Amino acid sequence: AEALAGALRVNATVTVVSLSYNKIKDEGMKHIADALKHNKSVSELRLINVDCGDVGAEALAGALRVNATVTSLDLSSNAFGDVGAEALAGALRVNAT
């Protein structure tokens, strides 16, 4: 996930990213979230069953607060609980996309 995040940070053409069923866990999600803070092209993000917990969800929420291009997000079948869900809900309330 770290190498992919590095590429996403500077990529201007990829619009769909699917890491579904890859166990990137919280650590990988932190890298992806950091990249999304800088990426201006990804509009669809599929992160189904990537073993994301509260820490990863909070990292992603931080990215969604500033990312203006993601319009579709699938986090089905992950391990985050109320803390992660609340962080994501808060981010989506302020995200204009």
N, C-alpha and C. Protein backbone atom coordinates (compact mmCIF):
# COMPACT_ATOMS: atom_id res chain seq x y z
N ALA A 1 0.83 -1.20 0.00
CA ALA A 1 0.00 0.00 0.00
C ALA A 1 0.87 1.26 0.00
N GLU A 2 2.02 1.18 0.62
CA GLU A 2 2.89 2.36 0.69
C GLU A 2 3.37 2.78 -0.70
N ALA A 3 3.78 1.81 -1.52
CA ALA A 3 4.25 2.13 -2.87
C ALA A 3 3.12 2.67 -3.72
N LEU A 4 1.95 2.07 -3.62
CA LEU A 4 0.79 2.55 -4.37
C LEU A 4 0.43 3.97 -3.93
N ALA A 5 0.48 4.21 -2.64
CA ALA A 5 0.17 5.55 -2.13
C ALA A 5 1.13 6.58 -2.70
N GLY A 6 2.39 6.23 -2.80
CA GLY A 6 3.37 7.14 -3.38
C GLY A 6 3.02 7.49 -4.82
N ALA A 7 2.57 6.51 -5.57
CA ALA A 7 2.18 6.75 -6.96
C ALA A 7 0.91 7.60 -7.03
N LEU A 8 -0.06 7.32 -6.17
CA LEU A 8 -1.31 8.07 -6.18
C LEU A 8 -1.10 9.53 -5.80
N ARG A 9 -0.12 9.76 -4.97
CA ARG A 9 0.15 11.12 -4.51
C ARG A 9 0.44 12.06 -5.69
N VAL A 10 1.06 11.52 -6.74
CA VAL A 10 1.47 12.37 -7.88
C VAL A 10 0.70 12.06 -9.17
N ASN A 11 -0.11 11.02 -9.17
CA ASN A 11 -0.82 10.62 -10.38
C ASN A 11 -1.98 11.56 -10.68
N ALA A 12 -2.15 11.89 -11.94
CA ALA A 12 -3.23 12.79 -12.33
C ALA A 12 -4.23 12.15 -13.30
N THR A 13 -4.11 10.84 -13.55
CA THR A 13 -4.99 10.21 -14.52
C THR A 13 -5.87 9.09 -13.96
N VAL A 14 -5.43 8.39 -12.95
CA VAL A 14 -6.22 7.28 -12.38
C VAL A 14 -7.44 7.86 -11.68
N THR A 15 -8.63 7.33 -12.03
CA THR A 15 -9.86 7.83 -11.41
C THR A 15 -10.53 6.80 -10.51
N VAL A 16 -10.21 5.51 -10.69
CA VAL A 16 -10.80 4.46 -9.87
C VAL A 16 -9.70 3.64 -9.23
N VAL A 17 -9.79 3.48 -7.92
CA VAL A 17 -8.83 2.65 -7.19
C VAL A 17 -9.61 1.59 -6.44
N SER A 18 -9.28 0.33 -6.67
CA SER A 18 -9.90 -0.78 -5.96
C SER A 18 -8.82 -1.62 -5.31
N LEU A 19 -8.82 -1.60 -4.00
CA LEU A 19 -7.89 -2.44 -3.23
C LEU A 19 -8.66 -3.52 -2.48
N SER A 20 -9.88 -3.75 -2.87
CA SER A 20 -10.75 -4.70 -2.19
C SER A 20 -10.11 -6.07 -2.04
N TYR A 21 -10.33 -6.65 -0.87
CA TYR A 21 -9.87 -8.00 -0.51
C TYR A 21 -8.34 -8.09 -0.38
N ASN A 22 -7.67 -6.97 -0.33
CA ASN A 22 -6.24 -6.93 0.00
C ASN A 22 -6.14 -6.47 1.45
N LYS A 23 -5.48 -7.20 2.25
CA LYS A 23 -5.42 -6.90 3.69
C LYS A 23 -4.41 -5.80 3.96
N ILE A 24 -4.77 -4.57 3.58
CA ILE A 24 -3.85 -3.45 3.79
C ILE A 24 -3.85 -2.97 5.24
N LYS A 25 -4.90 -3.31 5.97
CA LYS A 25 -5.03 -2.99 7.39
C LYS A 25 -4.90 -1.49 7.66
N ASP A 26 -4.81 -1.13 8.92
CA ASP A 26 -4.74 0.28 9.30
C ASP A 26 -3.50 0.97 8.76
N GLU A 27 -2.38 0.28 8.79
CA GLU A 27 -1.12 0.89 8.34
C GLU A 27 -1.19 1.25 6.86
N GLY A 28 -1.70 0.35 6.06
CA GLY A 28 -1.85 0.63 4.64
C GLY A 28 -2.87 1.73 4.38
N MET A 29 -3.93 1.74 5.17
CA MET A 29 -4.96 2.77 5.02
C MET A 29 -4.38 4.15 5.33
N LYS A 30 -3.48 4.22 6.29
CA LYS A 30 -2.84 5.51 6.60
C LYS A 30 -2.08 6.03 5.39
N HIS A 31 -1.39 5.15 4.68
CA HIS A 31 -0.64 5.56 3.48
C HIS A 31 -1.60 6.02 2.37
N ILE A 32 -2.66 5.26 2.16
CA ILE A 32 -3.64 5.62 1.13
C ILE A 32 -4.30 6.96 1.49
N ALA A 33 -4.64 7.13 2.74
CA ALA A 33 -5.26 8.37 3.19
C ALA A 33 -4.34 9.56 2.96
N ASP A 34 -3.07 9.40 3.27
CA ASP A 34 -2.12 10.48 3.05
C ASP A 34 -2.05 10.86 1.57
N ALA A 35 -2.06 9.86 0.71
CA ALA A 35 -2.02 10.12 -0.73
C ALA A 35 -3.27 10.86 -1.19
N LEU A 36 -4.42 10.50 -0.64
CA LEU A 36 -5.67 11.14 -1.05
C LEU A 36 -5.73 12.61 -0.66
N LYS A 37 -4.95 12.99 0.32
CA LYS A 37 -4.90 14.40 0.70
C LYS A 37 -4.29 15.24 -0.42
N HIS A 38 -3.50 14.60 -1.29
CA HIS A 38 -2.80 15.31 -2.36
C HIS A 38 -3.36 14.99 -3.74
N ASN A 39 -4.02 13.85 -3.89
CA ASN A 39 -4.50 13.40 -5.19
C ASN A 39 -5.70 14.22 -5.65
N LYS A 40 -5.72 14.55 -6.94
CA LYS A 40 -6.80 15.35 -7.51
C LYS A 40 -7.56 14.63 -8.61
N SER A 41 -7.35 13.30 -8.76
CA SER A 41 -8.01 12.60 -9.86
C SER A 41 -8.89 11.43 -9.43
N VAL A 42 -8.62 10.80 -8.31
CA VAL A 42 -9.40 9.62 -7.90
C VAL A 42 -10.81 10.07 -7.49
N SER A 43 -11.80 9.50 -8.17
CA SER A 43 -13.19 9.82 -7.83
C SER A 43 -13.91 8.63 -7.20
N GLU A 44 -13.40 7.43 -7.43
CA GLU A 44 -14.03 6.23 -6.88
C GLU A 44 -13.00 5.39 -6.14
N LEU A 45 -13.34 5.04 -4.90
CA LEU A 45 -12.43 4.29 -4.04
C LEU A 45 -13.15 3.07 -3.49
N ARG A 46 -12.67 1.89 -3.84
CA ARG A 46 -13.27 0.64 -3.37
C ARG A 46 -12.31 -0.02 -2.40
N LEU A 47 -12.72 -0.08 -1.15
CA LEU A 47 -11.89 -0.64 -0.09
C LEU A 47 -12.68 -1.69 0.69
N ILE A 48 -13.26 -2.62 -0.05
CA ILE A 48 -14.08 -3.67 0.54
C ILE A 48 -13.18 -4.71 1.20
N ASN A 49 -13.47 -5.03 2.45
CA ASN A 49 -12.79 -6.11 3.17
C ASN A 49 -11.26 -5.98 3.11
N VAL A 50 -10.76 -4.80 3.51
CA VAL A 50 -9.31 -4.57 3.53
C VAL A 50 -8.76 -4.64 4.96
N ASP A 51 -9.59 -5.09 5.89
CA ASP A 51 -9.21 -5.25 7.30
C ASP A 51 -8.89 -3.91 7.95
N CYS A 52 -9.69 -2.91 7.62
CA CYS A 52 -9.52 -1.57 8.16
C CYS A 52 -10.22 -1.47 9.51
N GLY A 53 -9.48 -1.02 10.52
CA GLY A 53 -10.04 -0.80 11.85
C GLY A 53 -10.30 0.68 12.09
N ASP A 54 -10.50 1.02 13.35
CA ASP A 54 -10.79 2.41 13.71
C ASP A 54 -9.66 3.36 13.32
N VAL A 55 -8.42 2.94 13.50
CA VAL A 55 -7.28 3.81 13.19
C VAL A 55 -7.24 4.13 11.69
N GLY A 56 -7.44 3.13 10.87
CA GLY A 56 -7.47 3.35 9.42
C GLY A 56 -8.65 4.20 8.99
N ALA A 57 -9.79 3.96 9.60
CA ALA A 57 -10.99 4.75 9.27
C ALA A 57 -10.79 6.21 9.67
N GLU A 58 -10.16 6.44 10.80
CA GLU A 58 -9.90 7.82 11.22
C GLU A 58 -8.92 8.51 10.27
N ALA A 59 -7.92 7.76 9.80
CA ALA A 59 -6.97 8.32 8.83
C ALA A 59 -7.68 8.68 7.53
N LEU A 60 -8.52 7.78 7.06
CA LEU A 60 -9.27 8.03 5.83
C LEU A 60 -10.21 9.23 6.02
N ALA A 61 -10.82 9.32 7.17
CA ALA A 61 -11.71 10.46 7.45
C ALA A 61 -10.94 11.78 7.35
N GLY A 62 -9.73 11.80 7.86
CA GLY A 62 -8.91 13.00 7.76
C GLY A 62 -8.66 13.39 6.32
N ALA A 63 -8.43 12.40 5.48
CA ALA A 63 -8.21 12.68 4.05
C ALA A 63 -9.48 13.17 3.38
N LEU A 64 -10.61 12.58 3.73
CA LEU A 64 -11.87 12.96 3.10
C LEU A 64 -12.29 14.37 3.47
N ARG A 65 -11.80 14.86 4.58
CA ARG A 65 -12.11 16.24 4.98
C ARG A 65 -11.51 17.25 4.00
N VAL A 66 -10.40 16.87 3.36
CA VAL A 66 -9.73 17.82 2.46
C VAL A 66 -9.76 17.40 0.99
N ASN A 67 -10.07 16.15 0.70
CA ASN A 67 -10.11 15.68 -0.68
C ASN A 67 -11.38 16.17 -1.35
N ALA A 68 -11.24 16.70 -2.55
CA ALA A 68 -12.39 17.26 -3.25
C ALA A 68 -12.79 16.47 -4.49
N THR A 69 -12.23 15.26 -4.66
CA THR A 69 -12.55 14.52 -5.88
C THR A 69 -13.25 13.17 -5.63
N VAL A 70 -13.08 12.56 -4.48
CA VAL A 70 -13.72 11.26 -4.22
C VAL A 70 -15.22 11.48 -4.07
N THR A 71 -15.99 10.83 -4.95
CA THR A 71 -17.45 10.94 -4.90
C THR A 71 -18.12 9.60 -4.61
N SER A 72 -17.34 8.50 -4.69
CA SER A 72 -17.88 7.17 -4.43
C SER A 72 -16.89 6.41 -3.56
N LEU A 73 -17.39 5.87 -2.45
CA LEU A 73 -16.54 5.18 -1.48
C LEU A 73 -17.26 3.94 -0.99
N ASP A 74 -16.59 2.79 -1.08
CA ASP A 74 -17.16 1.54 -0.57
C ASP A 74 -16.21 0.96 0.47
N LEU A 75 -16.67 0.92 1.71
CA LEU A 75 -15.90 0.37 2.82
C LEU A 75 -16.58 -0.85 3.43
N SER A 76 -17.35 -1.56 2.63
CA SER A 76 -18.08 -2.73 3.11
C SER A 76 -17.14 -3.76 3.73
N SER A 77 -17.65 -4.47 4.71
CA SER A 77 -16.98 -5.63 5.31
C SER A 77 -15.61 -5.30 5.90
N ASN A 78 -15.53 -4.21 6.65
CA ASN A 78 -14.30 -3.86 7.35
C ASN A 78 -14.51 -3.98 8.85
N ALA A 79 -13.44 -3.82 9.60
CA ALA A 79 -13.46 -4.11 11.03
C ALA A 79 -13.59 -2.88 11.92
N PHE A 80 -13.81 -1.69 11.34
CA PHE A 80 -13.91 -0.53 12.22
C PHE A 80 -15.24 -0.53 12.95
N GLY A 81 -15.22 0.10 14.12
CA GLY A 81 -16.41 0.15 14.94
C GLY A 81 -16.99 1.54 15.00
N ASP A 82 -17.58 1.87 16.14
CA ASP A 82 -18.24 3.16 16.31
C ASP A 82 -17.28 4.34 16.14
N VAL A 83 -16.07 4.21 16.67
CA VAL A 83 -15.10 5.31 16.60
C VAL A 83 -14.78 5.63 15.14
N GLY A 84 -14.48 4.62 14.36
CA GLY A 84 -14.17 4.82 12.94
C GLY A 84 -15.37 5.32 12.17
N ALA A 85 -16.53 4.76 12.45
CA ALA A 85 -17.76 5.17 11.76
C ALA A 85 -18.09 6.62 12.05
N GLU A 86 -17.92 7.04 13.30
CA GLU A 86 -18.19 8.43 13.67
C GLU A 86 -17.21 9.38 12.99
N ALA A 87 -15.95 8.98 12.90
CA ALA A 87 -14.95 9.81 12.22
C ALA A 87 -15.30 9.97 10.75
N LEU A 88 -15.68 8.89 10.10
CA LEU A 88 -16.06 8.95 8.68
C LEU A 88 -17.33 9.78 8.48
N ALA A 89 -18.30 9.60 9.35
CA ALA A 89 -19.54 10.38 9.24
C ALA A 89 -19.25 11.87 9.38
N GLY A 90 -18.38 12.22 10.31
CA GLY A 90 -18.03 13.62 10.50
C GLY A 90 -17.33 14.19 9.28
N ALA A 91 -16.47 13.40 8.68
CA ALA A 91 -15.76 13.86 7.48
C ALA A 91 -16.72 14.04 6.32
N LEU A 92 -17.65 13.13 6.17
CA LEU A 92 -18.59 13.22 5.06
C LEU A 92 -19.55 14.39 5.21
N ARG A 93 -19.80 14.79 6.47
CA ARG A 93 -20.66 15.96 6.69
C ARG A 93 -20.02 17.24 6.16
N VAL A 94 -18.68 17.31 6.20
CA VAL A 94 -18.01 18.54 5.75
C VAL A 94 -17.46 18.43 4.33
N ASN A 95 -17.44 17.22 3.78
CA ASN A 95 -16.94 17.03 2.41
C ASN A 95 -18.01 17.47 1.43
N ALA A 96 -17.62 18.34 0.51
CA ALA A 96 -18.58 18.90 -0.43
C ALA A 96 -18.79 18.04 -1.68
N THR A 97 -18.00 16.96 -1.84
CA THR A 97 -18.14 16.15 -3.04
C THR A 97 -19.00 14.96 -2.74
